[in-house]
Amino acid sequence: MEYDVVVLGGGPAGENVVDRTRAAGLSTALVEAELIGGECSYWACVPSKALLRPALARADARRVPGLAGSVGGPLDAQAVFAHRDYWTGSWKDDGQVDWLDSIGAHVYRGHGRLYGVRKVAVTSPEGEHHVLAARHTVVVATGTRAVVPDVPGIAGARPWTSREATSAREVPGRLLIVGGSVVAAEMATAWQALGSQVTVLVRGARMLPRMEDFAGELVAEALREAGAVVRTEVSVEAVVRDGSTGPVRVVLEGGEVLEGDELLVATGRSPHTQDIGLETVGLTPGDWIAVDDTCRVLDHDWLYAVGDVNHRALLTHQGKYQARIAGAAIAARAAGSPALDTARWGAHAATADTQALPQAVFTDPEAAAVGLTLAEAERAGHRVRAVDYDLGKVSGAGLYADGYRGRARMVVDLDREVLLGVTFVGPGAAELLHAATVAVAGEVPIGRLWHAVPAFPTISEVWLRLLEAYRG
């Protein structure tokens, strides 16, 4: 079967490539072995936020006078799970398939592998074989999988990864979490609120190590206040589990043993490229796939890689952004366009991956950031100044919740007087993020931001306070 474009992987990035190439009039086939919609829709972003929303709403309510006394009881775990199941479609992808049909895309169910230049071989669950040929482009959008570290005994202990943590149907009495990442922080928040006694074991000095230092510190402090145990600079030496349903024991460096009913391992992701035929086109199975700013694979003018698999930015929204950029580039090249707009912030360059990358962590408090941290900006050689403000001193924050605690930081390029990065930590802070993203991506001068007047009394008035602090 021949198509203009063949997309290998049906997660959010792959789906968005299909959307853009079909909008450009290119015939497109999508190959997916699991559920169309991918990790985000069924085992990550969507179910985790469905689990977290009741936890965050209750936490907010407990800080509101006149309401706090009414929300002291436990969450209804089964109702929370039912809400999660609704948002995952009970792990059925009928709606996604219907949408693909409606735009004229062709879906192939089964394991897809590159089969040389511009070809993809597909083996269906029933054992049928197809070879799909691409007139113009093949796009790899196979994403990542959870890494389970090579620790003695861990394989036999049947640890949770993010998949089990977001799809479980029973609340474990004691949950041990290894890692300090976004997954670790969010799942610690969710399961502690659902009734687990959570212990978080962080190898490094703090949680959320890719954000400003104060983000991980405030999140860990709140987890401890909620009853969780958070330990940093600890190393797991072994894991022991006897029987199929018995407790799991984690042995730390030095011999200390911790016991739990389940163990969640949240120690990173690896590329889903081990068995997709990379060797047939001169690439290495199991490796990340290097691309240029149009997301075209280096030294392969017909091959693209979008989303987590290219290791530019392991975030769903960023994979979808890359898909939009790549889709435009694929369409332009297929139409014979003599030159693409690949300049910084051009129509065919995924500049935001490195210059204005936004991320929101839905813990209590929420942590949201875009662009560079202070340390990253300094390492990159910028002459910068960090401006901090206590978010709890903003009138809108005090009205939002009694005892509101949070912090804001903007990193200013002193030579150009534009923002290189912004971080907010506090209840509801994720909704402040897009304004910061616009400011960073648009390179809006400080002088112009002074004229962007925040409504009173909103938490966004922190922008005014930051600018006042900068101007002195």
Protein backbone atom coordinates (compact mmCIF):
# COMPACT_ATOMS: atom_id res chain seq x y z
CA MET A 1 0.00 0.00 0.00
CA GLU A 2 1.34 3.42 -0.95
CA TYR A 3 0.73 6.73 0.85
CA ASP A 4 2.30 10.16 0.80
CA VAL A 5 3.13 9.89 4.50
CA VAL A 6 3.36 6.94 6.91
CA VAL A 7 3.36 7.69 10.65
CA LEU A 8 4.74 5.07 13.02
CA GLY A 9 3.15 5.64 16.44
CA GLY A 10 -0.32 6.87 17.32
CA GLY A 11 0.24 8.95 20.43
CA PRO A 12 -0.45 12.70 20.57
CA ALA A 13 2.58 13.58 18.44
CA GLY A 14 1.75 11.00 15.78
CA GLU A 15 -1.91 12.02 15.72
CA ASN A 16 -0.99 15.66 15.22
CA VAL A 17 1.31 14.83 12.31
CA VAL A 18 -1.61 12.98 10.71
CA ASP A 19 -3.88 15.97 11.30
CA ARG A 20 -1.45 18.38 9.63
CA THR A 21 -0.55 16.18 6.66
CA ARG A 22 -4.19 15.37 5.96
CA ALA A 23 -5.04 19.08 6.18
CA ALA A 24 -2.38 19.63 3.51
CA GLY A 25 -4.05 17.05 1.27
CA LEU A 26 -1.44 14.32 1.72
CA SER A 27 -2.62 10.71 1.98
CA THR A 28 -1.52 9.40 5.36
CA ALA A 29 -1.37 6.04 7.14
CA LEU A 30 -0.98 5.65 10.91
CA VAL A 31 0.48 2.50 12.49
CA GLU A 32 -0.13 1.75 16.18
CA ALA A 33 0.31 -1.43 18.22
CA GLU A 34 -1.58 -0.25 21.32
CA LEU A 35 -4.30 2.32 21.95
CA ILE A 36 -4.50 5.28 19.60
CA GLY A 37 -3.97 8.33 21.76
CA GLY A 38 -0.85 6.86 23.32
CA GLU A 39 0.71 7.04 26.75
CA CYS A 40 -0.61 10.51 27.56
CA SER A 41 -4.26 9.67 27.01
CA TYR A 42 -4.36 6.37 28.91
CA TRP A 43 -1.44 6.09 31.35
CA ALA A 44 0.05 9.54 31.93
CA CYS A 45 -1.24 13.11 31.56
CA VAL A 46 -4.98 12.46 31.43
CA PRO A 47 -5.46 9.78 34.11
CA SER A 48 -2.92 11.38 36.44
CA LYS A 49 -4.75 14.72 36.32
CA ALA A 50 -8.07 12.94 36.88
CA LEU A 51 -6.57 11.40 40.03
CA LEU A 52 -5.02 14.67 41.13
CA ARG A 53 -7.96 17.02 40.59
CA PRO A 54 -9.98 15.84 43.65
CA ALA A 55 -6.83 15.96 45.78
CA LEU A 56 -6.04 19.55 44.75
CA ALA A 57 -9.65 20.71 45.02
CA ARG A 58 -9.88 19.34 48.57
CA ALA A 59 -6.57 20.95 49.49
CA ASP A 60 -7.79 24.30 48.16
CA ALA A 61 -11.13 23.96 49.95
CA ARG A 62 -9.39 23.29 53.25
CA ARG A 63 -7.76 26.72 52.96
CA VAL A 64 -11.02 28.62 52.40
CA PRO A 65 -12.84 30.09 55.44
CA GLY A 66 -16.41 28.85 55.74
CA LEU A 67 -15.63 25.74 53.73
CA ALA A 68 -12.62 24.21 55.44
CA GLY A 69 -14.67 22.46 58.11
CA SER A 70 -16.83 20.70 55.53
CA VAL A 71 -14.06 18.87 53.67
CA GLY A 72 -12.19 17.09 56.40
CA GLY A 73 -13.12 13.55 55.44
CA PRO A 74 -11.33 11.12 53.10
CA LEU A 75 -11.73 11.13 49.34
CA ASP A 76 -14.13 8.61 47.83
CA ALA A 77 -11.49 6.54 46.07
CA GLN A 78 -13.92 4.55 43.94
CA ALA A 79 -15.57 7.76 42.70
CA VAL A 80 -12.14 9.15 41.86
CA PHE A 81 -11.28 5.97 39.95
CA ALA A 82 -14.57 6.14 38.05
CA HIS A 83 -13.80 9.74 37.08
CA ARG A 84 -10.37 8.62 35.88
CA ASP A 85 -11.90 5.76 33.90
CA TYR A 86 -14.29 8.16 32.18
CA TRP A 87 -11.45 10.38 31.01
CA THR A 88 -9.47 7.43 29.67
CA GLY A 89 -12.53 6.07 27.85
CA SER A 90 -12.11 2.98 30.05
CA TRP A 91 -8.96 2.32 28.02
CA LYS A 92 -10.82 2.13 24.71
CA ASP A 93 -9.86 4.29 21.74
CA ASP A 94 -13.06 4.22 19.69
CA GLY A 95 -13.35 8.01 19.71
CA GLN A 96 -9.80 8.46 18.44
CA VAL A 97 -10.37 5.95 15.65
CA ASP A 98 -13.59 7.67 14.63
CA TRP A 99 -11.77 11.01 14.40
CA LEU A 100 -9.01 9.53 12.22
CA ASP A 101 -11.64 7.99 9.96
CA SER A 102 -13.40 11.35 9.70
CA ILE A 103 -10.29 13.09 8.33
CA GLY A 104 -9.52 10.29 5.87
CA ALA A 105 -6.48 8.77 7.56
CA HIS A 106 -5.85 5.03 7.26
CA VAL A 107 -5.19 3.15 10.50
CA TYR A 108 -3.14 -0.05 10.67
CA ARG A 109 -3.27 -1.96 13.94
CA GLY A 110 -0.13 -3.86 14.77
CA HIS A 111 3.61 -3.70 15.32
CA GLY A 112 5.32 -1.46 12.81
CA ARG A 113 8.98 -1.53 11.81
CA LEU A 114 10.98 0.45 9.32
CA TYR A 115 11.69 -1.74 6.32
CA GLY A 116 14.34 0.23 4.51
CA VAL A 117 13.98 3.64 2.89
CA ARG A 118 10.40 5.01 2.91
CA LYS A 119 8.87 1.67 3.90
CA VAL A 120 7.16 0.36 7.05
CA ALA A 121 6.29 -3.30 7.64
CA VAL A 122 3.26 -3.96 9.84
CA THR A 123 2.37 -7.22 11.60
CA SER A 124 -1.22 -7.25 12.85
CA PRO A 125 -2.31 -9.00 16.07
CA GLU A 126 -3.82 -11.70 13.85
CA GLY A 127 -0.46 -12.29 12.15
CA GLU A 128 -1.24 -10.51 8.89
CA HIS A 129 1.59 -8.65 7.19
CA HIS A 130 1.52 -5.38 5.27
CA VAL A 131 4.25 -3.26 3.73
CA LEU A 132 3.43 0.43 3.51
CA ALA A 133 5.41 2.63 1.14
CA ALA A 134 5.71 6.40 1.61
CA ARG A 135 6.00 8.62 -1.46
CA HIS A 136 7.46 11.44 0.61
CA THR A 137 7.96 10.81 4.30
CA VAL A 138 7.97 8.36 7.18
CA VAL A 139 7.52 9.83 10.65
CA VAL A 140 8.65 7.99 13.80
CA ALA A 141 6.51 8.92 16.81
CA THR A 142 6.91 5.85 19.01
CA GLY A 143 7.56 7.73 22.26
CA THR A 144 9.23 6.34 25.35
CA ARG A 145 8.80 3.69 28.01
CA ALA A 146 9.44 3.76 31.74
CA VAL A 147 12.93 2.81 32.89
CA VAL A 148 13.17 0.20 35.63
CA PRO A 149 16.68 0.41 37.11
CA ASP A 150 18.92 -2.63 37.28
CA VAL A 151 18.60 -3.17 41.03
CA PRO A 152 18.88 -6.69 42.48
CA GLY A 153 15.44 -8.24 43.00
CA ILE A 154 13.44 -5.43 41.42
CA ALA A 155 12.16 -7.42 38.44
CA GLY A 156 10.66 -10.12 40.65
CA ALA A 157 9.07 -7.50 42.89
CA ARG A 158 6.65 -6.45 40.11
CA PRO A 159 7.08 -2.70 40.71
CA TRP A 160 4.61 -0.14 39.49
CA THR A 161 5.67 2.20 36.73
CA SER A 162 3.66 5.24 35.74
CA ARG A 163 1.21 2.92 33.95
CA GLU A 164 0.25 0.99 37.05
CA ALA A 165 0.29 4.12 39.20
CA THR A 166 -2.32 5.83 37.02
CA SER A 167 -4.52 2.78 36.37
CA ALA A 168 -4.62 0.99 39.74
CA ARG A 169 -8.05 0.21 41.20
CA GLU A 170 -7.13 -0.24 44.87
CA VAL A 171 -5.42 2.13 47.28
CA PRO A 172 -2.28 0.54 48.72
CA GLY A 173 -1.89 0.99 52.44
CA ARG A 174 1.79 1.88 52.07
CA LEU A 175 3.31 3.11 48.82
CA LEU A 176 7.06 3.42 48.36
CA ILE A 177 8.11 5.73 45.51
CA VAL A 178 11.64 5.73 44.11
CA GLY A 179 12.48 8.94 42.24
CA GLY A 180 12.10 12.68 42.49
CA SER A 181 10.69 13.41 39.06
CA VAL A 182 7.37 14.89 37.99
CA VAL A 183 5.81 11.40 38.05
CA ALA A 184 7.10 10.79 41.58
CA ALA A 185 5.88 14.16 42.84
CA GLU A 186 2.43 13.97 41.24
CA MET A 187 1.75 10.36 42.19
CA ALA A 188 2.93 11.00 45.76
CA THR A 189 0.39 13.84 45.92
CA ALA A 190 -2.43 11.76 44.45
CA TRP A 191 -1.96 8.56 46.43
CA GLN A 192 -1.29 10.30 49.74
CA ALA A 193 -4.61 12.12 49.25
CA LEU A 194 -6.35 8.85 48.37
CA GLY A 195 -5.25 7.31 51.67
CA SER A 196 -1.86 5.69 51.12
CA GLN A 197 1.03 6.24 53.49
CA VAL A 198 3.57 7.46 50.96
CA THR A 199 7.35 7.37 51.27
CA VAL A 200 9.39 9.10 48.55
CA LEU A 201 13.03 8.12 48.11
CA VAL A 202 15.02 10.65 46.09
CA ARG A 203 18.54 9.85 44.94
CA GLY A 204 19.46 13.51 44.46
CA ALA A 205 19.40 16.49 46.77
CA ARG A 206 15.82 17.56 45.95
CA MET A 207 12.65 16.80 44.07
CA LEU A 208 11.93 18.30 40.63
CA PRO A 209 15.63 18.77 39.83
CA ARG A 210 14.99 20.34 36.40
CA MET A 211 13.17 23.31 37.91
CA GLU A 212 14.34 26.14 40.16
CA ASP A 213 15.54 24.84 43.54
CA PHE A 214 12.63 26.32 45.46
CA ALA A 215 10.05 24.39 43.40
CA GLY A 216 11.11 20.96 44.63
CA GLU A 217 11.65 22.30 48.15
CA LEU A 218 8.12 23.71 48.43
CA VAL A 219 6.55 20.56 46.97
CA ALA A 220 8.49 18.29 49.35
CA GLU A 221 7.54 20.50 52.31
CA ALA A 222 3.85 20.26 51.42
CA LEU A 223 4.04 16.48 50.98
CA ARG A 224 5.55 16.15 54.44
CA GLU A 225 2.82 18.33 55.92
CA ALA A 226 0.24 16.08 54.24
CA GLY A 227 1.76 13.08 56.04
CA ALA A 228 4.15 11.69 53.43
CA VAL A 229 7.78 10.90 54.14
CA VAL A 230 10.26 12.49 51.70
CA ARG A 231 13.90 11.46 51.94
CA THR A 232 16.65 12.84 49.74
CA GLU A 233 20.13 11.61 48.90
CA VAL A 234 19.24 7.97 49.46
CA SER A 235 20.18 5.05 47.24
CA VAL A 236 18.26 1.79 46.76
CA GLU A 237 20.54 -1.24 46.85
CA ALA A 238 18.02 -4.09 46.53
CA VAL A 239 14.33 -4.94 46.46
CA VAL A 240 12.74 -8.04 48.00
CA ARG A 241 9.22 -9.38 47.60
CA ASP A 242 8.05 -12.79 48.72
CA GLY A 243 5.06 -14.36 47.04
CA SER A 244 2.64 -12.78 44.59
CA THR A 245 0.81 -10.41 46.95
CA GLY A 246 3.14 -9.98 49.90
CA PRO A 247 4.77 -6.75 51.06
CA VAL A 248 7.71 -5.30 49.17
CA ARG A 249 10.90 -4.39 51.01
CA VAL A 250 13.44 -1.86 49.80
CA VAL A 251 17.01 -2.11 51.06
CA LEU A 252 18.81 1.23 51.19
CA GLU A 253 22.51 1.86 51.03
CA GLY A 254 23.79 1.15 54.52
CA GLY A 255 21.33 -1.69 55.12
CA GLU A 256 18.17 0.12 56.26
CA VAL A 257 15.02 -1.72 55.15
CA LEU A 258 11.70 -0.04 54.31
CA GLU A 259 8.50 -1.99 53.77
CA GLY A 260 5.48 -1.13 51.65
CA ASP A 261 2.52 -2.75 49.96
CA GLU A 262 3.47 -1.43 46.50
CA LEU A 263 6.59 0.09 44.98
CA LEU A 264 6.44 2.79 42.28
CA VAL A 265 9.61 3.29 40.25
CA ALA A 266 9.74 6.75 38.68
CA THR A 267 13.35 7.04 37.55
CA GLY A 268 13.08 8.20 33.95
CA ARG A 269 12.17 7.17 30.42
CA SER A 270 13.98 5.44 27.55
CA PRO A 271 13.22 5.70 23.81
CA HIS A 272 10.79 3.20 22.34
CA THR A 273 13.13 2.39 19.45
CA GLN A 274 14.48 -1.06 20.30
CA ASP A 275 12.41 -2.99 17.75
CA ILE A 276 11.23 -0.55 15.10
CA GLY A 277 13.76 -1.39 12.37
CA LEU A 278 16.19 1.48 12.85
CA GLU A 279 19.02 -0.80 11.78
CA THR A 280 17.48 -1.08 8.29
CA VAL A 281 18.13 2.63 7.70
CA GLY A 282 21.53 2.97 9.34
CA LEU A 283 20.38 4.00 12.83
CA THR A 284 20.97 2.27 16.16
CA PRO A 285 18.08 0.37 17.83
CA GLY A 286 17.37 1.59 21.34
CA ASP A 287 18.87 5.04 20.78
CA TRP A 288 17.22 8.44 20.81
CA ILE A 289 16.76 9.76 17.26
CA ALA A 290 18.63 12.99 16.53
CA VAL A 291 16.77 15.56 14.44
CA ASP A 292 17.16 19.12 13.15
CA ASP A 293 14.80 21.96 14.05
CA THR A 294 12.23 20.80 11.47
CA CYS A 295 12.29 17.41 13.25
CA ARG A 296 13.83 15.74 10.20
CA VAL A 297 16.26 12.97 11.14
CA LEU A 298 19.87 13.94 10.56
CA ASP A 299 21.26 12.58 7.25
CA HIS A 300 17.86 11.10 6.29
CA ASP A 301 15.92 13.50 4.07
CA TRP A 302 12.76 11.33 4.05
CA LEU A 303 12.57 10.46 7.76
CA TYR A 304 11.23 12.54 10.65
CA ALA A 305 11.00 11.88 14.40
CA VAL A 306 8.58 13.81 16.63
CA GLY A 307 7.72 13.70 20.31
CA ASP A 308 9.65 12.06 23.13
CA VAL A 309 11.58 9.79 20.79
CA ASN A 310 13.83 12.64 19.59
CA HIS A 311 14.72 13.63 23.19
CA ARG A 312 14.25 17.35 22.57
CA ALA A 313 11.49 17.78 25.15
CA LEU A 314 9.72 14.88 26.87
CA LEU A 315 6.36 16.62 27.24
CA THR A 316 3.08 15.88 25.48
CA HIS A 317 2.32 19.46 24.53
CA GLN A 318 5.81 19.87 23.13
CA GLY A 319 5.49 16.69 21.05
CA LYS A 320 2.27 18.07 19.59
CA TYR A 321 4.05 21.35 18.84
CA GLN A 322 6.84 19.47 17.07
CA ALA A 323 4.21 17.60 15.08
CA ARG A 324 2.70 20.87 13.90
CA ILE A 325 6.13 22.17 12.88
CA ALA A 326 7.09 18.89 11.19
CA GLY A 327 3.71 18.63 9.47
CA ALA A 328 4.18 22.08 7.96
CA ALA A 329 7.70 21.19 6.83
CA ILE A 330 6.57 17.87 5.33
CA ALA A 331 3.76 19.58 3.43
CA ALA A 332 6.07 22.31 2.13
CA ARG A 333 8.70 19.85 0.97
CA ALA A 334 6.09 17.59 -0.63
CA ALA A 335 4.78 20.62 -2.55
CA GLY A 336 8.28 21.34 -3.82
CA SER A 337 8.79 24.54 -1.83
CA PRO A 338 12.29 25.81 -2.70
CA ALA A 339 13.06 27.04 0.82
CA LEU A 340 11.65 26.53 4.28
CA ASP A 341 11.41 29.14 7.01
CA THR A 342 13.87 27.55 9.43
CA ALA A 343 15.12 30.73 11.03
CA ARG A 344 14.72 31.13 14.79
CA TRP A 345 10.96 31.24 15.50
CA GLY A 346 10.30 30.46 11.83
CA ALA A 347 7.26 28.53 10.61
CA HIS A 348 9.34 25.37 10.11
CA ALA A 349 11.59 25.50 13.21
CA ALA A 350 10.70 24.04 16.62
CA THR A 351 12.48 26.86 18.45
CA ALA A 352 10.30 26.66 21.55
CA ASP A 353 11.85 23.29 22.41
CA THR A 354 14.98 25.10 23.57
CA GLN A 355 13.89 28.70 24.17
CA ALA A 356 10.38 28.63 25.65
CA LEU A 357 9.65 25.18 26.98
CA PRO A 358 6.66 25.22 29.39
CA GLN A 359 5.96 22.64 32.08
CA ALA A 360 3.31 22.38 34.77
CA VAL A 361 3.50 19.98 37.72
CA PHE A 362 0.09 19.36 39.32
CA THR A 363 1.18 18.87 42.89
CA ASP A 364 0.01 20.84 45.93
CA PRO A 365 1.40 23.46 45.50
CA GLU A 366 1.53 23.46 41.73
CA ALA A 367 4.86 24.22 40.06
CA ALA A 368 4.95 25.83 36.64
CA ALA A 369 7.91 27.07 34.63
CA VAL A 370 8.88 28.17 31.14
CA GLY A 371 12.25 28.86 29.56
CA LEU A 372 15.56 28.78 31.40
CA THR A 373 16.21 28.50 35.11
CA LEU A 374 18.69 30.92 36.62
CA ALA A 375 21.40 28.24 36.64
CA GLU A 376 20.71 27.28 33.03
CA ALA A 377 20.84 30.90 31.89
CA GLU A 378 24.14 31.46 33.67
CA ARG A 379 25.63 28.27 32.20
CA ALA A 380 24.57 29.46 28.74
CA GLY A 381 26.62 32.62 29.22
CA HIS A 382 23.80 35.14 29.56
CA ARG A 383 24.20 38.20 31.77
CA VAL A 384 21.13 37.76 33.90
CA ARG A 385 19.34 38.81 37.04
CA ALA A 386 16.79 36.76 38.95
CA VAL A 387 13.87 38.64 40.47
CA ASP A 388 11.90 36.80 43.18
CA TYR A 389 8.61 37.58 44.89
CA ASP A 390 6.63 35.90 47.65
CA LEU A 391 3.46 34.84 45.85
CA GLY A 392 1.56 34.76 49.13
CA LYS A 393 1.89 38.56 49.44
CA VAL A 394 -0.27 39.16 46.35
CA SER A 395 -3.82 40.14 47.33
CA GLY A 396 -5.36 37.67 44.89
CA ALA A 397 -3.39 34.83 46.46
CA GLY A 398 -4.54 35.74 49.96
CA LEU A 399 -8.14 35.79 48.74
CA TYR A 400 -7.63 32.47 46.96
CA ALA A 401 -6.58 30.67 50.14
CA ASP A 402 -5.77 31.41 53.75
CA GLY A 403 -2.10 30.91 54.44
CA TYR A 404 -1.25 30.84 50.72
CA ARG A 405 2.38 29.91 50.24
CA GLY A 406 4.27 30.26 47.00
CA ARG A 407 7.05 31.93 45.13
CA ALA A 408 7.64 33.51 41.74
CA ARG A 409 10.85 34.14 39.84
CA MET A 410 11.63 35.77 36.54
CA VAL A 411 15.07 35.51 34.92
CA VAL A 412 15.90 38.69 33.01
CA ASP A 413 18.43 39.00 30.20
CA LEU A 414 20.10 42.26 31.25
CA ASP A 415 21.54 42.97 27.82
CA ARG A 416 18.21 42.82 25.99
CA GLU A 417 15.81 43.36 28.92
CA VAL A 418 13.63 40.40 27.98
CA LEU A 419 12.66 37.36 30.01
CA LEU A 420 14.59 34.12 29.56
CA GLY A 421 12.57 32.14 32.10
CA VAL A 422 9.74 32.38 34.61
CA THR A 423 8.76 30.03 37.47
CA PHE A 424 5.66 30.05 39.67
CA VAL A 425 5.02 27.76 42.65
CA GLY A 426 1.75 27.91 44.56
CA PRO A 427 -1.85 26.67 44.58
CA GLY A 428 -3.41 27.31 41.16
CA ALA A 429 -0.09 28.55 39.78
CA ALA A 430 -0.27 26.45 36.61
CA GLU A 431 -2.87 28.84 35.20
CA LEU A 432 -0.28 31.64 35.34
CA LEU A 433 2.03 29.76 33.00
CA HIS A 434 0.74 30.66 29.56
CA ALA A 435 1.16 34.40 30.09
CA ALA A 436 4.78 33.70 30.98
CA THR A 437 5.16 31.48 27.92
CA VAL A 438 3.89 34.28 25.68
CA ALA A 439 6.31 36.72 27.31
CA VAL A 440 9.30 34.40 26.85
CA ALA A 441 8.45 33.15 23.36
CA GLY A 442 7.51 36.64 22.19
CA GLU A 443 10.63 38.15 23.75
CA VAL A 444 8.42 40.92 25.08
CA PRO A 445 10.59 43.79 26.38
CA ILE A 446 10.33 44.63 30.07
CA GLY A 447 9.23 48.10 29.09
CA ARG A 448 6.24 46.73 27.20
CA LEU A 449 5.33 44.26 29.96
CA TRP A 450 4.95 47.29 32.24
CA HIS A 451 1.90 48.18 30.13
CA ALA A 452 0.32 44.71 30.45
CA VAL A 453 -1.87 45.54 33.46
CA PRO A 454 -2.97 42.54 35.56
CA ALA A 455 -6.55 42.60 36.82
CA PHE A 456 -7.04 43.21 40.53
CA PRO A 457 -7.40 41.16 42.68
CA THR A 458 -5.99 38.19 40.78
CA ILE A 459 -2.94 36.08 41.53
CA SER A 460 -1.55 37.30 38.19
CA GLU A 461 -0.86 40.64 39.89
CA VAL A 462 2.43 38.97 40.78
CA TRP A 463 3.59 40.17 37.34
CA LEU A 464 3.33 43.77 38.52
CA ARG A 465 5.17 42.98 41.75
CA LEU A 466 7.98 41.25 39.85
CA LEU A 467 8.36 44.20 37.49
CA GLU A 468 8.34 46.65 40.39
CA ALA A 469 11.03 44.60 42.12
CA TYR A 470 13.11 44.60 38.94
CA ARG A 471 12.81 48.38 38.51
CA GLY A 472 13.54 48.96 42.19
